[in-house]
Amino acid sequence: MWELIESGLRAWLYPGLSALLSVVLTYFVFRLALGTVRRLTRRKAIPRLFLDASARALGVFICLLVLNGVLEAAPPSLPFLRELQHTATLLLILSVTWAAVRCTSAIGEVIVTLNPVLEGEWKRARKVETQTRFLVRGLNILIVILGLGSALMTFESVRHVGGSLLASAGVGGIILGFAARPVLGNLLAGMQIALTQPFRIDDVLHVQGEWCWVEEVTATYVVLRVWDLRRLIVPLQWFIENPFQNWSRNNADLLGTVFIRLDYAMPIQPLRDEFARLLRQSTQWDGKTETVQVTDSDDRTIQVRFLMSAPDSSLAWDLRCAIREGLISFLQEHYPDYLPRIRARLVDGNEADELLAPSQ
């Protein structure tokens, strides 16, 4: 046994050293060339973005490529040569897959970088970013599947099994389709959302009673940032099958309302004047909408609606709270007697008996 190991090590001495030196020299030259290119290019240049994204994977790929070349040139009589060649080929396929995924992701980053969110063009920039994120993630999934399939096909046993599987591909495809229905449904929903654009990155949505922003879009789910910094994870299929509100679909402008219940005796004009004064001293108001209307009444009170506009949903919320507080303070100070009240009439004993007596 020891003699076999010793003879194997002796046979691999020079080929192993040459392979090791070749890989080390290749890695050294690659790092030197990488440093030179980084010095000569700008950090935000498009070729530099691709290089930075795929540098590690590219270095591994080049080293494995050299290693495969050295092993192909080695004497065929070396022990375990076929196993080492197969391992090197397998690692080479995985490194190509890794580099392809990194380059695809870099393409997405370049597209997003070339379409910044500028004033007046935020809608187009968010549309491009959302579509790019969807398509890049879908392409990455396809690349990984192809890479893993190619790696598995290097095994002889897997190739034989693959032939028998192809014979029963119809039944297997039906079974796989039912088993992977949720995943495939989300992937198809992601493609549909990327093309139809019902929402984009940073859009304000109202989903399941929550006011939130679209923070991240993956291949199968959407991460929504709720106003109190919670995160709501929603599958993509849910957006296809359920209605939801998009508060920034075409623009971010939003109307806000404040409702106040008051006594019938309350005059409306002082409220209009105070509402106008509060709006003009507010920094959240965009100057577009200013309306005061009596929208409802019942047997005890009237309902006054104050309608205002703001540039976005966050400012609209702050504006509503500030206006509500200012109007309540105004009423407490100048018209405290006109706040909602319950009316009652005091009667003496005889009159009460007459009211309670049954009618003849």
Protein backbone atom coordinates (compact mmCIF):
# COMPACT_ATOMS: atom_id res chain seq x y z
CA MET A 1 0.00 0.00 0.00
CA TRP A 2 2.72 2.46 1.00
CA GLU A 3 4.73 1.48 -2.04
CA LEU A 4 1.74 2.27 -4.27
CA ILE A 5 1.28 5.68 -2.64
CA GLU A 6 5.01 6.41 -2.87
CA SER A 7 5.13 5.47 -6.56
CA GLY A 8 2.07 7.63 -7.24
CA LEU A 9 3.60 10.64 -5.49
CA ARG A 10 6.85 10.14 -7.36
CA ALA A 11 5.01 9.99 -10.67
CA TRP A 12 3.06 13.19 -9.86
CA LEU A 13 6.07 15.13 -8.59
CA TYR A 14 7.00 16.99 -11.78
CA PRO A 15 3.48 17.22 -13.31
CA GLY A 16 2.09 18.40 -9.97
CA LEU A 17 4.80 21.03 -9.52
CA SER A 18 4.35 22.26 -13.09
CA ALA A 19 0.58 22.49 -12.59
CA LEU A 20 0.98 24.34 -9.30
CA LEU A 21 3.55 26.76 -10.72
CA SER A 22 1.38 27.36 -13.78
CA VAL A 23 -1.69 28.18 -11.65
CA VAL A 24 0.29 30.44 -9.28
CA LEU A 25 1.98 32.25 -12.16
CA THR A 26 -1.34 32.67 -13.96
CA TYR A 27 -2.98 34.09 -10.83
CA PHE A 28 -0.05 36.49 -10.29
CA VAL A 29 -0.21 37.73 -13.89
CA PHE A 30 -4.00 38.09 -13.62
CA ARG A 31 -3.78 40.16 -10.43
CA LEU A 32 -1.07 42.34 -12.00
CA ALA A 33 -3.17 42.91 -15.12
CA LEU A 34 -6.26 43.57 -12.99
CA GLY A 35 -4.45 46.18 -10.91
CA THR A 36 -3.10 47.87 -14.06
CA VAL A 37 -6.54 48.05 -15.66
CA ARG A 38 -8.07 49.45 -12.47
CA ARG A 39 -5.42 52.17 -12.35
CA LEU A 40 -6.03 53.17 -15.96
CA THR A 41 -9.85 53.23 -15.83
CA ARG A 42 -12.34 55.36 -13.97
CA ARG A 43 -14.27 53.78 -11.12
CA LYS A 44 -17.67 54.44 -12.69
CA ALA A 45 -16.70 53.48 -16.25
CA ILE A 46 -18.85 50.74 -17.78
CA PRO A 47 -15.94 48.31 -18.52
CA ARG A 48 -14.72 48.86 -14.96
CA LEU A 49 -18.13 47.94 -13.54
CA PHE A 50 -18.09 44.65 -15.45
CA LEU A 51 -14.52 43.97 -14.35
CA ASP A 52 -15.17 44.68 -10.67
CA ALA A 53 -18.31 42.53 -10.67
CA SER A 54 -16.68 39.47 -12.24
CA ALA A 55 -13.02 39.83 -11.15
CA ARG A 56 -12.98 36.94 -8.67
CA ALA A 57 -14.96 34.58 -10.86
CA LEU A 58 -12.84 35.51 -13.87
CA GLY A 59 -9.61 34.86 -11.95
CA VAL A 60 -10.83 31.43 -10.84
CA PHE A 61 -11.94 30.62 -14.40
CA ILE A 62 -8.55 31.55 -15.93
CA CYS A 63 -6.62 29.55 -13.31
CA LEU A 64 -8.84 26.50 -13.84
CA LEU A 65 -8.49 26.86 -17.61
CA VAL A 66 -4.70 26.75 -17.30
CA LEU A 67 -4.95 23.80 -14.90
CA ASN A 68 -7.10 21.90 -17.41
CA GLY A 69 -4.54 22.58 -20.12
CA VAL A 70 -1.69 21.30 -17.96
CA LEU A 71 -3.62 18.14 -17.03
CA GLU A 72 -4.45 17.49 -20.70
CA ALA A 73 -0.73 17.62 -21.52
CA ALA A 74 0.21 15.28 -18.65
CA PRO A 75 1.23 11.65 -19.43
CA PRO A 76 -1.89 9.44 -19.60
CA SER A 77 -0.24 6.82 -17.43
CA LEU A 78 -0.37 8.98 -14.31
CA PRO A 79 -2.53 7.52 -11.53
CA PHE A 80 -5.85 9.28 -10.80
CA LEU A 81 -5.38 11.49 -13.87
CA ARG A 82 -8.90 10.93 -15.18
CA GLU A 83 -10.42 11.75 -11.78
CA LEU A 84 -8.39 14.97 -11.51
CA GLN A 85 -9.28 15.96 -15.06
CA HIS A 86 -12.96 15.40 -14.33
CA THR A 87 -12.76 17.45 -11.12
CA ALA A 88 -10.97 20.29 -12.92
CA THR A 89 -13.57 20.25 -15.71
CA LEU A 90 -16.39 20.29 -13.17
CA LEU A 91 -14.86 23.26 -11.36
CA LEU A 92 -14.30 25.01 -14.69
CA ILE A 93 -18.01 24.71 -15.58
CA LEU A 94 -19.01 26.06 -12.15
CA SER A 95 -16.58 28.97 -12.49
CA VAL A 96 -18.02 29.83 -15.93
CA THR A 97 -21.51 29.79 -14.39
CA TRP A 98 -20.34 32.02 -11.55
CA ALA A 99 -18.70 34.48 -13.97
CA ALA A 100 -21.82 34.54 -16.18
CA VAL A 101 -24.06 35.29 -13.20
CA ARG A 102 -21.77 38.09 -12.04
CA CYS A 103 -21.60 39.59 -15.54
CA THR A 104 -25.39 39.41 -15.89
CA SER A 105 -25.81 41.18 -12.55
CA ALA A 106 -23.29 43.79 -13.71
CA ILE A 107 -25.39 44.39 -16.83
CA GLY A 108 -28.34 45.19 -14.56
CA GLU A 109 -26.24 47.57 -12.46
CA VAL A 110 -24.95 49.32 -15.59
CA ILE A 111 -28.48 49.79 -16.95
CA VAL A 112 -29.66 51.21 -13.60
CA THR A 113 -26.58 53.49 -13.43
CA LEU A 114 -27.21 54.82 -16.94
CA ASN A 115 -30.81 55.68 -15.98
CA PRO A 116 -30.54 57.71 -12.76
CA VAL A 117 -33.55 59.14 -10.96
CA LEU A 118 -33.56 62.73 -12.22
CA GLU A 119 -36.08 65.43 -11.43
CA GLY A 120 -39.02 65.07 -13.78
CA GLU A 121 -37.87 61.64 -15.04
CA TRP A 122 -38.31 59.50 -11.92
CA LYS A 123 -41.13 57.49 -13.48
CA ARG A 124 -39.02 56.32 -16.42
CA ALA A 125 -36.01 55.56 -14.20
CA ARG A 126 -38.05 53.44 -11.78
CA LYS A 127 -39.69 51.60 -14.67
CA VAL A 128 -36.29 50.72 -16.15
CA GLU A 129 -34.93 49.66 -12.76
CA THR A 130 -37.89 47.40 -11.97
CA GLN A 131 -37.84 45.70 -15.37
CA THR A 132 -34.08 45.26 -15.19
CA ARG A 133 -34.20 43.67 -11.72
CA PHE A 134 -36.85 41.18 -12.83
CA LEU A 135 -35.13 40.20 -16.06
CA VAL A 136 -31.65 39.93 -14.51
CA ARG A 137 -32.87 37.65 -11.73
CA GLY A 138 -34.77 35.48 -14.20
CA LEU A 139 -31.69 35.24 -16.45
CA ASN A 140 -29.49 34.38 -13.46
CA ILE A 141 -31.83 31.53 -12.52
CA LEU A 142 -31.64 30.21 -16.10
CA ILE A 143 -27.82 30.44 -16.12
CA VAL A 144 -27.55 28.57 -12.81
CA ILE A 145 -29.88 25.82 -14.04
CA LEU A 146 -27.86 25.42 -17.25
CA GLY A 147 -24.58 25.46 -15.34
CA LEU A 148 -25.67 22.83 -12.83
CA GLY A 149 -27.11 20.71 -15.63
CA SER A 150 -23.85 20.88 -17.56
CA ALA A 151 -21.87 19.99 -14.43
CA LEU A 152 -24.08 16.98 -13.72
CA MET A 153 -23.82 15.77 -17.30
CA THR A 154 -20.06 15.30 -16.84
CA PHE A 155 -20.87 12.24 -14.72
CA GLU A 156 -21.28 9.09 -16.74
CA SER A 157 -24.02 7.72 -14.50
CA VAL A 158 -26.05 10.90 -14.79
CA ARG A 159 -25.87 10.75 -18.60
CA HIS A 160 -27.25 7.20 -18.55
CA VAL A 161 -30.01 8.23 -16.16
CA GLY A 162 -30.73 11.24 -18.34
CA GLY A 163 -31.45 9.01 -21.32
CA SER A 164 -34.04 7.02 -19.39
CA LEU A 165 -35.55 10.19 -17.98
CA LEU A 166 -36.06 11.61 -21.45
CA ALA A 167 -38.14 8.56 -22.32
CA SER A 168 -40.57 9.41 -19.53
CA ALA A 169 -40.32 13.18 -19.88
CA GLY A 170 -44.07 13.58 -20.43
CA VAL A 171 -45.14 12.07 -17.12
CA GLY A 172 -42.19 13.58 -15.28
CA GLY A 173 -42.95 17.00 -16.70
CA ILE A 174 -46.55 16.82 -15.50
CA ILE A 175 -45.48 15.74 -12.00
CA LEU A 176 -42.76 18.39 -11.85
CA GLY A 177 -45.21 21.01 -13.08
CA PHE A 178 -47.65 20.28 -10.26
CA ALA A 179 -44.87 20.14 -7.66
CA ALA A 180 -43.23 23.38 -8.78
CA ARG A 181 -46.48 25.23 -9.50
CA PRO A 182 -46.01 27.89 -6.77
CA VAL A 183 -42.43 28.63 -7.86
CA LEU A 184 -43.26 28.68 -11.56
CA GLY A 185 -46.35 30.78 -10.87
CA ASN A 186 -44.25 33.41 -9.08
CA LEU A 187 -41.65 33.40 -11.87
CA LEU A 188 -44.33 33.91 -14.52
CA ALA A 189 -45.99 36.56 -12.36
CA GLY A 190 -42.64 38.32 -12.10
CA MET A 191 -42.29 38.40 -15.88
CA GLN A 192 -45.85 39.73 -16.21
CA ILE A 193 -45.22 42.45 -13.62
CA ALA A 194 -41.93 43.40 -15.31
CA LEU A 195 -43.73 43.88 -18.62
CA THR A 196 -47.00 45.49 -17.46
CA GLN A 197 -45.50 47.59 -14.62
CA PRO A 198 -48.37 47.75 -12.08
CA PHE A 199 -45.76 49.04 -9.62
CA ARG A 200 -42.10 50.05 -9.62
CA ILE A 201 -39.24 50.37 -7.14
CA ASP A 202 -40.03 53.08 -4.53
CA ASP A 203 -43.72 53.23 -5.47
CA VAL A 204 -46.11 53.84 -2.58
CA LEU A 205 -48.62 51.00 -2.20
CA HIS A 206 -51.52 50.27 0.11
CA VAL A 207 -51.47 46.49 0.59
CA GLN A 208 -53.61 44.55 3.07
CA GLY A 209 -54.32 47.68 5.09
CA GLU A 210 -50.63 48.69 5.24
CA TRP A 211 -49.13 51.89 3.84
CA CYS A 212 -45.74 50.89 2.40
CA TRP A 213 -43.03 51.47 -0.21
CA VAL A 214 -41.65 48.94 -2.72
CA GLU A 215 -38.14 48.38 -1.39
CA GLU A 216 -36.91 45.26 -3.23
CA VAL A 217 -38.20 43.05 -6.02
CA THR A 218 -36.88 39.49 -6.33
CA ALA A 219 -37.73 36.68 -8.74
CA THR A 220 -40.45 35.28 -6.45
CA TYR A 221 -41.49 37.95 -3.91
CA VAL A 222 -41.59 41.68 -3.19
CA VAL A 223 -40.21 43.34 -0.05
CA LEU A 224 -42.44 46.22 1.09
CA ARG A 225 -41.20 48.72 3.68
CA VAL A 226 -44.08 49.68 5.95
CA TRP A 227 -44.23 53.24 7.29
CA ASP A 228 -43.09 52.07 10.77
CA LEU A 229 -40.01 50.31 9.20
CA ARG A 230 -41.51 46.82 9.30
CA ARG A 231 -40.99 44.70 6.19
CA LEU A 232 -43.90 42.99 4.45
CA ILE A 233 -42.93 40.04 2.23
CA VAL A 234 -45.54 39.38 -0.47
CA PRO A 235 -45.30 36.69 -3.20
CA LEU A 236 -45.47 38.03 -6.74
CA GLN A 237 -48.47 35.83 -7.51
CA TRP A 238 -50.48 37.75 -4.91
CA PHE A 239 -50.21 40.97 -6.92
CA ILE A 240 -51.60 39.21 -10.00
CA GLU A 241 -54.58 37.70 -8.17
CA ASN A 242 -55.53 40.50 -5.72
CA PRO A 243 -56.31 44.22 -6.04
CA PHE A 244 -54.03 46.75 -4.36
CA GLN A 245 -53.65 50.53 -4.31
CA ASN A 246 -50.72 52.29 -6.01
CA TRP A 247 -50.47 55.85 -4.72
CA SER A 248 -47.67 56.87 -7.11
CA ARG A 249 -48.61 55.09 -10.34
CA ASN A 250 -48.43 58.14 -12.62
CA ASN A 251 -47.29 60.81 -10.16
CA ALA A 252 -46.69 61.11 -6.45
CA ASP A 253 -49.25 63.90 -5.83
CA LEU A 254 -51.86 62.93 -3.28
CA LEU A 255 -54.98 64.48 -1.76
CA GLY A 256 -55.41 64.42 1.99
CA THR A 257 -58.57 64.86 4.06
CA VAL A 258 -59.42 65.90 7.59
CA PHE A 259 -62.94 65.27 8.97
CA ILE A 260 -64.27 67.13 12.01
CA ARG A 261 -67.69 66.69 13.65
CA LEU A 262 -69.23 69.97 14.89
CA ASP A 263 -72.44 71.35 16.30
CA TYR A 264 -75.11 72.69 13.91
CA ALA A 265 -74.61 76.19 15.26
CA MET A 266 -70.95 76.35 14.12
CA PRO A 267 -70.39 78.94 11.34
CA ILE A 268 -68.37 77.53 8.40
CA GLN A 269 -66.66 80.70 7.11
CA PRO A 270 -64.29 81.08 10.10
CA LEU A 271 -63.20 77.51 9.51
CA ARG A 272 -62.48 78.29 5.84
CA ASP A 273 -60.41 81.32 6.82
CA GLU A 274 -58.43 79.40 9.47
CA PHE A 275 -57.90 76.46 7.11
CA ALA A 276 -56.53 78.79 4.43
CA ARG A 277 -54.21 80.44 6.95
CA LEU A 278 -52.87 77.09 8.18
CA LEU A 279 -52.24 75.87 4.64
CA ARG A 280 -50.32 78.99 3.63
CA GLN A 281 -47.97 78.74 6.58
CA SER A 282 -47.36 75.03 5.98
CA THR A 283 -44.31 73.81 4.05
CA GLN A 284 -46.00 70.50 3.12
CA TRP A 285 -48.82 72.05 1.06
CA ASP A 286 -48.20 72.25 -2.72
CA GLY A 287 -50.72 75.07 -3.28
CA LYS A 288 -53.02 73.10 -5.62
CA THR A 289 -56.09 71.99 -3.64
CA GLU A 290 -57.90 73.85 -0.83
CA THR A 291 -61.53 72.88 -0.19
CA VAL A 292 -63.88 73.04 2.81
CA GLN A 293 -67.25 71.26 2.52
CA VAL A 294 -70.03 70.03 4.80
CA THR A 295 -70.17 66.42 3.64
CA ASP A 296 -72.57 64.82 6.14
CA SER A 297 -75.04 65.48 8.94
CA ASP A 298 -76.99 63.44 11.46
CA ASP A 299 -79.43 64.17 14.26
CA ARG A 300 -76.72 65.72 16.46
CA THR A 301 -73.75 67.00 14.40
CA ILE A 302 -72.50 68.03 10.99
CA GLN A 303 -69.35 66.66 9.34
CA VAL A 304 -66.93 69.15 7.78
CA ARG A 305 -64.33 67.89 5.32
CA PHE A 306 -61.09 69.76 4.74
CA LEU A 307 -59.45 68.69 1.46
CA MET A 308 -55.80 69.53 0.70
CA SER A 309 -52.98 68.34 -1.58
CA ALA A 310 -49.31 67.49 -1.07
CA PRO A 311 -46.39 66.43 -3.31
CA ASP A 312 -46.25 62.87 -1.95
CA SER A 313 -47.86 60.53 0.56
CA SER A 314 -45.44 61.23 3.41
CA LEU A 315 -45.95 64.98 3.20
CA ALA A 316 -49.70 64.46 2.83
CA TRP A 317 -49.78 62.53 6.12
CA ASP A 318 -47.75 65.21 7.93
CA LEU A 319 -49.95 67.94 6.44
CA ARG A 320 -53.17 66.22 7.55
CA CYS A 321 -51.89 65.83 11.10
CA ALA A 322 -50.74 69.47 11.28
CA ILE A 323 -54.03 70.82 9.88
CA ARG A 324 -56.12 68.63 12.20
CA GLU A 325 -54.16 69.82 15.22
CA GLY A 326 -54.39 73.47 14.15
CA LEU A 327 -58.15 73.32 13.54
CA ILE A 328 -58.84 71.63 16.88
CA SER A 329 -56.78 74.27 18.67
CA PHE A 330 -58.68 76.99 16.81
CA LEU A 331 -62.04 75.51 17.82
CA GLN A 332 -61.01 75.05 21.44
CA GLU A 333 -59.85 78.64 21.66
CA HIS A 334 -62.53 80.51 19.71
CA TYR A 335 -65.58 78.22 19.44
CA PRO A 336 -65.56 75.80 22.38
CA ASP A 337 -69.37 75.96 22.67
CA TYR A 338 -69.80 74.59 19.15
CA LEU A 339 -68.02 71.29 19.65
CA PRO A 340 -70.24 68.18 19.44
CA ARG A 341 -72.69 67.92 22.32
CA ILE A 342 -75.67 65.90 23.45
CA ARG A 343 -78.83 68.01 23.85
CA ALA A 344 -81.35 67.30 26.61
CA ARG A 345 -84.45 69.11 27.95
CA LEU A 346 -85.32 69.27 31.65
CA VAL A 347 -89.00 68.87 32.45
CA ASP A 348 -90.94 68.90 35.74
CA GLY A 349 -92.75 65.90 37.17
CA ASN A 350 -96.17 66.57 35.67
CA GLU A 351 -94.79 67.13 32.18
CA ALA A 352 -92.67 64.00 32.47
CA ASP A 353 -95.73 61.98 33.41
CA GLU A 354 -97.55 63.33 30.39
CA LEU A 355 -94.66 62.42 28.10
CA LEU A 356 -94.36 58.91 29.53
CA ALA A 357 -98.08 58.22 29.64
CA PRO A 358 -99.34 55.88 26.92
CA SER A 359 -101.39 57.53 24.24
CA GLN A 360 -105.12 56.79 24.44
